């Protein structure tokens, strides 16, 4: 995982995949989607971002996270 992205945890970031801005809450190098059927589960790197003011957190690829 890029060390510069790790320094942004708790900061306002831009998700380049969606164009949305939120607070980077966590990074996980070995995340598996528990909602996916077992035969489709795969380990992936993800960044968790929470909307400013609250709402549903979303995930994106850490490589697409930039400081806002």
PDB file of N, CA and C in Angstrom:
ATOM      1  N   UNK A   1       0.858  -1.183   0.000  1.00  0.00           N
ATOM      2  CA  UNK A   1       0.000   0.000   0.000  1.00  0.00           C
ATOM      3  C   UNK A   1       0.891   1.229   0.000  1.00  0.00           C
ATOM      4  N   UNK A   2       0.476   2.198  -0.726  1.00  0.00           N
ATOM      5  CA  UNK A   2       1.252   3.432  -0.821  1.00  0.00           C
ATOM      6  C   UNK A   2       1.298   4.119   0.538  1.00  0.00           C
ATOM      7  N   UNK A   3       2.496   4.440   0.993  1.00  0.00           N
ATOM      8  CA  UNK A   3       2.637   5.048   2.311  1.00  0.00           C
ATOM      9  C   UNK A   3       2.002   6.428   2.368  1.00  0.00           C
ATOM     10  N   UNK A   4       1.966   7.160   1.255  1.00  0.00           N
ATOM     11  CA  UNK A   4       1.371   8.496   1.299  1.00  0.00           C
ATOM     12  C   UNK A   4      -0.140   8.418   1.506  1.00  0.00           C
ATOM     13  N   UNK A   5      -0.814   7.373   1.020  1.00  0.00           N
ATOM     14  CA  UNK A   5      -2.245   7.211   1.255  1.00  0.00           C
ATOM     15  C   UNK A   5      -2.489   6.910   2.727  1.00  0.00           C
ATOM     16  N   UNK A   6      -1.637   6.111   3.340  1.00  0.00           N
ATOM     17  CA  UNK A   6      -1.791   5.765   4.750  1.00  0.00           C
ATOM     18  C   UNK A   6      -1.729   7.005   5.639  1.00  0.00           C
ATOM     19  N   UNK A   7      -0.996   8.011   5.226  1.00  0.00           N
ATOM     20  CA  UNK A   7      -0.901   9.233   6.036  1.00  0.00           C
ATOM     21  C   UNK A   7      -2.177  10.064   5.960  1.00  0.00           C
ATOM     22  N   UNK A   8      -3.088   9.721   5.046  1.00  0.00           N
ATOM     23  CA  UNK A   8      -4.320  10.485   4.872  1.00  0.00           C
ATOM     24  C   UNK A   8      -5.492   9.968   5.706  1.00  0.00           C
ATOM     25  N   UNK A   9      -5.296   8.891   6.460  1.00  0.00           N
ATOM     26  CA  UNK A   9      -6.384   8.378   7.299  1.00  0.00           C
ATOM     27  C   UNK A   9      -6.823   9.480   8.259  1.00  0.00           C
ATOM     28  N   UNK A  10      -8.127   9.749   8.277  1.00  0.00           N
ATOM     29  CA  UNK A  10      -8.680  10.816   9.108  1.00  0.00           C
ATOM     30  C   UNK A  10      -8.785  12.151   8.389  1.00  0.00           C
ATOM     31  N   UNK A  11      -8.279  12.207   7.171  1.00  0.00           N
ATOM     32  CA  UNK A  11      -8.266  13.453   6.401  1.00  0.00           C
ATOM     33  C   UNK A  11      -9.341  13.448   5.314  1.00  0.00           C
ATOM     34  N   UNK A  12      -9.650  14.630   4.815  1.00  0.00           N
ATOM     35  CA  UNK A  12     -10.580  14.795   3.713  1.00  0.00           C
ATOM     36  C   UNK A  12      -9.882  14.372   2.423  1.00  0.00           C
ATOM     37  N   UNK A  13     -10.516  13.465   1.660  1.00  0.00           N
ATOM     38  CA  UNK A  13      -9.909  12.946   0.443  1.00  0.00           C
ATOM     39  C   UNK A  13     -10.902  12.986  -0.717  1.00  0.00           C
ATOM     40  N   UNK A  14     -10.366  12.869  -1.917  1.00  0.00           N
ATOM     41  CA  UNK A  14     -11.151  12.781  -3.134  1.00  0.00           C
ATOM     42  C   UNK A  14     -11.017  11.366  -3.681  1.00  0.00           C
ATOM     43  N   UNK A  15     -12.143  10.719  -3.973  1.00  0.00           N
ATOM     44  CA  UNK A  15     -12.158   9.405  -4.605  1.00  0.00           C
ATOM     45  C   UNK A  15     -12.232   9.651  -6.109  1.00  0.00           C
ATOM     46  N   UNK A  16     -11.143   9.427  -6.812  1.00  0.00           N
ATOM     47  CA  UNK A  16     -11.104   9.703  -8.250  1.00  0.00           C
ATOM     48  C   UNK A  16     -12.006   8.767  -9.056  1.00  0.00           C
ATOM     49  N   UNK A  17     -12.396   7.623  -8.490  1.00  0.00           N
ATOM     50  CA  UNK A  17     -13.284   6.703  -9.200  1.00  0.00           C
ATOM     51  C   UNK A  17     -14.694   7.265  -9.300  1.00  0.00           C
ATOM     52  N   UNK A  18     -15.121   7.992  -8.270  1.00  0.00           N
ATOM     53  CA  UNK A  18     -16.499   8.490  -8.235  1.00  0.00           C
ATOM     54  C   UNK A  18     -16.596  10.009  -8.277  1.00  0.00           C
ATOM     55  N   UNK A  19     -15.501  10.694  -7.972  1.00  0.00           N
ATOM     56  CA  UNK A  19     -15.515  12.148  -7.886  1.00  0.00           C
ATOM     57  C   UNK A  19     -16.048  12.650  -6.555  1.00  0.00           C
ATOM     58  N   UNK A  20     -16.333  11.732  -5.636  1.00  0.00           N
ATOM     59  CA  UNK A  20     -16.882  12.114  -4.334  1.00  0.00           C
ATOM     60  C   UNK A  20     -15.771  12.484  -3.361  1.00  0.00           C
ATOM     61  N   UNK A  21     -16.111  13.323  -2.395  1.00  0.00           N
ATOM     62  CA  UNK A  21     -15.188  13.736  -1.347  1.00  0.00           C
ATOM     63  C   UNK A  21     -15.708  13.221  -0.019  1.00  0.00           C
ATOM     64  N   UNK A  22     -14.792  12.736   0.820  1.00  0.00           N
ATOM     65  CA  UNK A  22     -15.159  12.237   2.138  1.00  0.00           C
ATOM     66  C   UNK A  22     -13.933  12.097   3.011  1.00  0.00           C
ATOM     67  N   UNK A  23     -14.126  11.516   4.181  1.00  0.00           N
ATOM     68  CA  UNK A  23     -13.040  11.308   5.136  1.00  0.00           C
ATOM     69  C   UNK A  23     -12.542   9.873   5.012  1.00  0.00           C
ATOM     70  N   UNK A  24     -11.251   9.711   4.769  1.00  0.00           N
ATOM     71  CA  UNK A  24     -10.652   8.378   4.697  1.00  0.00           C
ATOM     72  C   UNK A  24     -10.620   7.807   6.105  1.00  0.00           C
ATOM     73  N   UNK A  25     -11.356   6.707   6.320  1.00  0.00           N
ATOM     74  CA  UNK A  25     -11.456   6.145   7.666  1.00  0.00           C
ATOM     75  C   UNK A  25     -10.531   4.958   7.891  1.00  0.00           C
ATOM     76  N   UNK A  26     -10.214   4.218   6.827  1.00  0.00           N
ATOM     77  CA  UNK A  26      -9.368   3.036   7.007  1.00  0.00           C
ATOM     78  C   UNK A  26      -8.826   2.555   5.670  1.00  0.00           C
ATOM     79  N   UNK A  27      -7.741   1.798   5.757  1.00  0.00           N
ATOM     80  CA  UNK A  27      -7.156   1.113   4.604  1.00  0.00           C
ATOM     81  C   UNK A  27      -6.981  -0.348   5.001  1.00  0.00           C
ATOM     82  N   UNK A  28      -7.240  -1.252   4.077  1.00  0.00           N
ATOM     83  CA  UNK A  28      -7.096  -2.679   4.373  1.00  0.00           C
ATOM     84  C   UNK A  28      -6.468  -3.365   3.162  1.00  0.00           C
ATOM     85  N   UNK A  29      -5.328  -4.010   3.366  1.00  0.00           N
ATOM     86  CA  UNK A  29      -4.623  -4.710   2.297  1.00  0.00           C
ATOM     87  C   UNK A  29      -5.189  -6.090   2.015  1.00  0.00           C
ATOM     88  N   UNK A  30      -6.006  -6.629   2.931  1.00  0.00           N
ATOM     89  CA  UNK A  30      -6.499  -8.004   2.788  1.00  0.00           C
ATOM     90  C   UNK A  30      -7.986  -8.092   3.077  1.00  0.00           C
ATOM     91  N   UNK A  31      -8.770  -7.219   2.473  1.00  0.00           N
ATOM     92  CA  UNK A  31     -10.207  -7.185   2.713  1.00  0.00           C
ATOM     93  C   UNK A  31     -10.927  -8.144   1.780  1.00  0.00           C
ATOM     94  N   UNK A  32     -11.931  -8.840   2.323  1.00  0.00           N
ATOM     95  CA  UNK A  32     -12.795  -9.713   1.540  1.00  0.00           C
ATOM     96  C   UNK A  32     -14.225  -9.291   1.800  1.00  0.00           C
ATOM     97  N   UNK A  33     -15.005  -9.089   0.757  1.00  0.00           N
ATOM     98  CA  UNK A  33     -16.392  -8.648   0.894  1.00  0.00           C
ATOM     99  C   UNK A  33     -17.231  -9.777   1.490  1.00  0.00           C
ATOM    100  N   UNK A  34     -17.719  -9.600   2.721  1.00  0.00           N
ATOM    101  CA  UNK A  34     -18.489 -10.669   3.351  1.00  0.00           C
ATOM    102  C   UNK A  34     -19.854 -10.885   2.699  1.00  0.00           C
ATOM    103  N   UNK A  35     -20.323  -9.924   1.904  1.00  0.00           N
ATOM    104  CA  UNK A  35     -21.619 -10.060   1.239  1.00  0.00           C
ATOM    105  C   UNK A  35     -21.520 -10.849  -0.071  1.00  0.00           C
ATOM    106  N   UNK A  36     -20.314 -11.028  -0.577  1.00  0.00           N
ATOM    107  CA  UNK A  36     -20.134 -11.776  -1.822  1.00  0.00           C
ATOM    108  C   UNK A  36     -20.328 -13.266  -1.570  1.00  0.00           C
ATOM    109  N   UNK A  37     -20.893 -13.977  -2.546  1.00  0.00           N
ATOM    110  CA  UNK A  37     -21.001 -15.430  -2.401  1.00  0.00           C
ATOM    111  C   UNK A  37     -19.613 -16.035  -2.183  1.00  0.00           C
ATOM    112  N   UNK A  38     -19.545 -17.069  -1.395  1.00  0.00           N
ATOM    113  CA  UNK A  38     -18.242 -17.658  -1.035  1.00  0.00           C
ATOM    114  C   UNK A  38     -17.376 -17.982  -2.247  1.00  0.00           C
ATOM    115  N   UNK A  39     -17.954 -18.481  -3.305  1.00  0.00           N
ATOM    116  CA  UNK A  39     -17.159 -18.865  -4.476  1.00  0.00           C
ATOM    117  C   UNK A  39     -16.672 -17.654  -5.270  1.00  0.00           C
ATOM    118  N   UNK A  40     -17.170 -16.463  -4.945  1.00  0.00           N
ATOM    119  CA  UNK A  40     -16.735 -15.253  -5.642  1.00  0.00           C
ATOM    120  C   UNK A  40     -15.872 -14.341  -4.776  1.00  0.00           C
ATOM    121  N   UNK A  41     -15.631 -14.731  -3.550  1.00  0.00           N
ATOM    122  CA  UNK A  41     -14.835 -13.882  -2.656  1.00  0.00           C
ATOM    123  C   UNK A  41     -13.376 -13.880  -3.079  1.00  0.00           C
ATOM    124  N   UNK A  42     -12.785 -12.693  -3.003  1.00  0.00           N
ATOM    125  CA  UNK A  42     -11.357 -12.556  -3.294  1.00  0.00           C
ATOM    126  C   UNK A  42     -10.775 -11.489  -2.380  1.00  0.00           C
ATOM    127  N   UNK A  43      -9.523 -11.649  -2.073  1.00  0.00           N
ATOM    128  CA  UNK A  43      -8.817 -10.684  -1.229  1.00  0.00           C
ATOM    129  C   UNK A  43      -8.431  -9.498  -2.098  1.00  0.00           C
ATOM    130  N   UNK A  44      -8.683  -8.298  -1.577  1.00  0.00           N
ATOM    131  CA  UNK A  44      -8.365  -7.092  -2.334  1.00  0.00           C
ATOM    132  C   UNK A  44      -7.952  -5.967  -1.402  1.00  0.00           C
ATOM    133  N   UNK A  45      -7.293  -4.974  -1.969  1.00  0.00           N
ATOM    134  CA  UNK A  45      -6.904  -3.775  -1.222  1.00  0.00           C
ATOM    135  C   UNK A  45      -8.023  -2.757  -1.355  1.00  0.00           C
ATOM    136  N   UNK A  46      -8.450  -2.193  -0.241  1.00  0.00           N
ATOM    137  CA  UNK A  46      -9.520  -1.199  -0.302  1.00  0.00           C
ATOM    138  C   UNK A  46      -9.250  -0.035   0.652  1.00  0.00           C
ATOM    139  N   UNK A  47      -9.837   1.103   0.287  1.00  0.00           N
ATOM    140  CA  UNK A  47      -9.866   2.286   1.145  1.00  0.00           C
ATOM    141  C   UNK A  47     -11.325   2.513   1.510  1.00  0.00           C
ATOM    142  N   UNK A  48     -11.594   2.828   2.758  1.00  0.00           N
ATOM    143  CA  UNK A  48     -12.945   3.100   3.235  1.00  0.00           C
ATOM    144  C   UNK A  48     -13.095   4.603   3.422  1.00  0.00           C
ATOM    145  N   UNK A  49     -14.132   5.179   2.818  1.00  0.00           N
ATOM    146  CA  UNK A  49     -14.344   6.622   2.869  1.00  0.00           C
ATOM    147  C   UNK A  49     -15.755   6.898   3.367  1.00  0.00           C
ATOM    148  N   UNK A  50     -15.870   7.831   4.316  1.00  0.00           N
ATOM    149  CA  UNK A  50     -17.167   8.225   4.888  1.00  0.00           C
ATOM    150  C   UNK A  50     -17.527   9.612   4.374  1.00  0.00           C
ATOM    151  N   UNK A  51     -18.781   9.809   3.952  1.00  0.00           N
ATOM    152  CA  UNK A  51     -19.185  11.135   3.475  1.00  0.00           C
ATOM    153  C   UNK A  51     -19.078  12.189   4.582  1.00  0.00           C
ATOM    154  N   UNK A  52     -18.758  13.396   4.191  1.00  0.00           N
ATOM    155  CA  UNK A  52     -18.734  14.510   5.138  1.00  0.00           C
ATOM    156  C   UNK A  52     -20.161  14.718   5.649  1.00  0.00           C
ATOM    157  N   UNK A  53     -20.331  14.836   6.943  1.00  0.00           N
ATOM    158  CA  UNK A  53     -21.660  15.029   7.525  1.00  0.00           C
ATOM    159  C   UNK A  53     -22.410  13.732   7.778  1.00  0.00           C
ATOM    160  N   UNK A  54     -21.769  12.597   7.487  1.00  0.00           N
ATOM    161  CA  UNK A  54     -22.399  11.304   7.742  1.00  0.00           C
ATOM    162  C   UNK A  54     -22.989  10.688   6.490  1.00  0.00           C
ATOM    163  N   UNK A  55     -23.472   9.488   6.625  1.00  0.00           N
ATOM    164  CA  UNK A  55     -24.025   8.759   5.496  1.00  0.00           C
ATOM    165  C   UNK A  55     -23.356   7.419   5.349  1.00  0.00           C
ATOM    166  N   UNK A  56     -23.625   6.768   4.235  1.00  0.00           N
ATOM    167  CA  UNK A  56     -23.098   5.428   3.998  1.00  0.00           C
ATOM    168  C   UNK A  56     -21.654   5.482   3.513  1.00  0.00           C
ATOM    169  N   UNK A  57     -20.794   4.779   4.244  1.00  0.00           N
ATOM    170  CA  UNK A  57     -19.390   4.668   3.871  1.00  0.00           C
ATOM    171  C   UNK A  57     -19.277   3.865   2.573  1.00  0.00           C
ATOM    172  N   UNK A  58     -18.275   4.174   1.754  1.00  0.00           N
ATOM    173  CA  UNK A  58     -18.054   3.410   0.533  1.00  0.00           C
ATOM    174  C   UNK A  58     -16.597   3.002   0.456  1.00  0.00           C
ATOM    175  N   UNK A  59     -16.314   2.087  -0.458  1.00  0.00           N
ATOM    176  CA  UNK A  59     -14.945   1.614  -0.650  1.00  0.00           C
ATOM    177  C   UNK A  59     -14.470   1.989  -2.045  1.00  0.00           C
ATOM    178  N   UNK A  60     -13.160   2.094  -2.172  1.00  0.00           N
ATOM    179  CA  UNK A  60     -12.533   2.359  -3.461  1.00  0.00           C
ATOM    180  C   UNK A  60     -11.125   1.794  -3.435  1.00  0.00           C
ATOM    181  N   UNK A  61     -10.469   1.804  -4.571  1.00  0.00           N
ATOM    182  CA  UNK A  61      -9.082   1.362  -4.636  1.00  0.00           C
ATOM    183  C   UNK A  61      -8.188   2.436  -4.022  1.00  0.00           C
ATOM    184  N   UNK A  62      -7.256   2.060  -3.149  1.00  0.00           N
ATOM    185  CA  UNK A  62      -6.377   3.051  -2.515  1.00  0.00           C
ATOM    186  C   UNK A  62      -5.598   3.905  -3.519  1.00  0.00           C
ATOM    187  N   UNK A  63      -5.309   3.354  -4.688  1.00  0.00           N
ATOM    188  CA  UNK A  63      -4.563   4.096  -5.697  1.00  0.00           C
ATOM    189  C   UNK A  63      -5.353   5.277  -6.256  1.00  0.00           C
ATOM    190  N   UNK A  64      -6.669   5.279  -6.027  1.00  0.00           N
ATOM    191  CA  UNK A  64      -7.530   6.336  -6.555  1.00  0.00           C
ATOM    192  C   UNK A  64      -7.880   7.394  -5.517  1.00  0.00           C
ATOM    193  N   UNK A  65      -7.238   7.333  -4.362  1.00  0.00           N
ATOM    194  CA  UNK A  65      -7.502   8.285  -3.273  1.00  0.00           C
ATOM    195  C   UNK A  65      -6.464   9.407  -3.332  1.00  0.00           C
ATOM    196  N   UNK A  66      -6.967  10.640  -3.336  1.00  0.00           N
ATOM    197  CA  UNK A  66      -6.094  11.826  -3.345  1.00  0.00           C
ATOM    198  C   UNK A  66      -6.533  12.768  -2.245  1.00  0.00           C
ATOM    199  N   UNK A  67      -5.614  13.530  -1.713  1.00  0.00           N
ATOM    200  CA  UNK A  67      -5.958  14.536  -0.718  1.00  0.00           C
ATOM    201  C   UNK A  67      -6.866  15.584  -1.351  1.00  0.00           C
ATOM    202  N   UNK A  68      -7.932  15.947  -0.638  1.00  0.00           N
ATOM    203  CA  UNK A  68      -8.875  16.953  -1.168  1.00  0.00           C
ATOM    204  C   UNK A  68      -8.368  18.349  -0.913  1.00  0.00           C
TER     205      UNK A  68
END
